[in-house]
Amino acid sequence: MDNLAKNLKKISNDGFAIIQDIYTPYEIESIIATIDKIDQFKDTFRKTGDLFAIRRFLIEVPDAKSLIFNNKLKSLIDDLFGFGYFNLF
């Protein structure tokens, strides 16, 4: 079974799949830097010793959208779910 079929089966069975190598180390650093630049004291942010969460992430951190939905991820989504599965841009 190829990776695409394995990932589709995993998503179907578990609701998610862990897929490696979507982001380069530089892209990960860019996403983190973008998050670090925002005001983290808003009501939509939760930050404790062991938790950091942002409600409505793409609304609160709009600059992260193009970093997260890079060409690799968009291509993977098209391969898994069909072209135009959802339109982000």
Protein backbone atom coordinates (compact mmCIF):
# COMPACT_ATOMS: atom_id res chain seq x y z
CA MET A 1 0.00 0.00 0.00
CA ASP A 2 1.46 3.38 -0.94
CA ASN A 3 1.84 6.31 1.47
CA LEU A 4 -1.19 8.16 0.10
CA ALA A 5 -3.45 5.15 0.67
CA LYS A 6 -1.94 4.57 4.13
CA ASN A 7 -2.53 8.19 5.09
CA LEU A 8 -6.10 8.14 3.82
CA LYS A 9 -6.79 4.95 5.80
CA LYS A 10 -5.22 6.48 8.93
CA ILE A 11 -7.32 9.63 8.55
CA SER A 12 -10.45 7.57 7.97
CA ASN A 13 -9.82 5.33 10.99
CA ASP A 14 -8.31 7.80 13.47
CA GLY A 15 -9.33 11.23 12.19
CA PHE A 16 -5.71 12.27 11.62
CA ALA A 17 -2.37 11.15 10.22
CA ILE A 18 1.13 12.26 11.10
CA ILE A 19 2.99 13.10 7.92
CA GLN A 20 6.67 13.98 7.99
CA ASP A 21 8.60 16.59 6.01
CA ILE A 22 5.81 19.07 5.26
CA TYR A 23 7.88 21.92 6.70
CA THR A 24 11.57 22.71 6.52
CA PRO A 25 13.35 23.76 9.73
CA TYR A 26 13.36 27.33 8.37
CA GLU A 27 9.58 27.24 7.81
CA ILE A 28 9.03 25.97 11.35
CA GLU A 29 11.21 28.78 12.73
CA SER A 30 9.20 31.30 10.66
CA ILE A 31 5.89 30.01 12.03
CA ILE A 32 7.19 30.18 15.60
CA ALA A 33 8.59 33.69 15.06
CA THR A 34 5.22 34.83 13.69
CA ILE A 35 3.43 33.47 16.75
CA ASP A 36 6.00 35.06 19.07
CA LYS A 37 5.34 38.51 17.56
CA ILE A 38 1.63 38.65 18.44
CA ASP A 39 -0.02 39.95 21.61
CA GLN A 40 -0.39 36.81 23.71
CA PHE A 41 -2.44 38.43 26.47
CA LYS A 42 -5.75 38.44 24.64
CA ASP A 43 -8.76 36.47 25.91
CA THR A 44 -8.44 34.03 23.01
CA PHE A 45 -5.01 32.86 24.25
CA ARG A 46 -4.47 30.28 26.97
CA LYS A 47 -1.00 30.09 28.47
CA THR A 48 -0.01 28.09 31.53
CA GLY A 49 3.07 26.13 32.54
CA ASP A 50 2.13 23.18 30.35
CA LEU A 51 -0.34 24.67 27.85
CA PHE A 52 -0.26 27.23 25.07
CA ALA A 53 -3.39 27.41 22.95
CA ILE A 54 -4.93 29.97 20.63
CA ARG A 55 -8.62 29.91 19.78
CA ARG A 56 -9.41 30.80 16.19
CA PHE A 57 -5.72 30.57 15.35
CA LEU A 58 -5.88 31.70 11.71
CA ILE A 59 -8.01 34.70 12.66
CA GLU A 60 -5.75 35.69 15.55
CA VAL A 61 -2.51 35.07 13.63
CA PRO A 62 -3.37 35.82 9.98
CA ASP A 63 0.29 36.12 8.95
CA ALA A 64 0.71 32.42 9.76
CA LYS A 65 -1.78 31.30 7.11
CA SER A 66 0.61 31.48 4.16
CA LEU A 67 3.39 29.91 6.23
CA ILE A 68 1.29 26.97 7.40
CA PHE A 69 -0.47 26.32 4.11
CA ASN A 70 2.74 26.05 2.09
CA ASN A 71 2.87 24.38 -1.32
CA LYS A 72 3.70 20.96 0.18
CA LEU A 73 0.68 21.02 2.48
CA LYS A 74 -1.68 22.33 -0.21
CA SER A 75 -0.45 19.65 -2.62
CA LEU A 76 -0.92 16.96 0.04
CA ILE A 77 -4.47 18.15 0.74
CA ASP A 78 -5.23 18.05 -3.00
CA ASP A 79 -3.76 14.53 -3.25
CA LEU A 80 -5.66 13.23 -0.23
CA PHE A 81 -9.02 14.93 -0.65
CA GLY A 82 -9.15 16.19 -4.22
CA PHE A 83 -8.38 19.51 -5.85
CA GLY A 84 -10.18 22.45 -4.25
CA TYR A 85 -11.14 20.51 -1.10
CA PHE A 86 -11.23 23.83 0.65
CA ASN A 87 -10.25 27.23 -0.60
CA LEU A 88 -7.96 29.19 1.69
CA PHE A 89 -6.61 31.72 -0.75
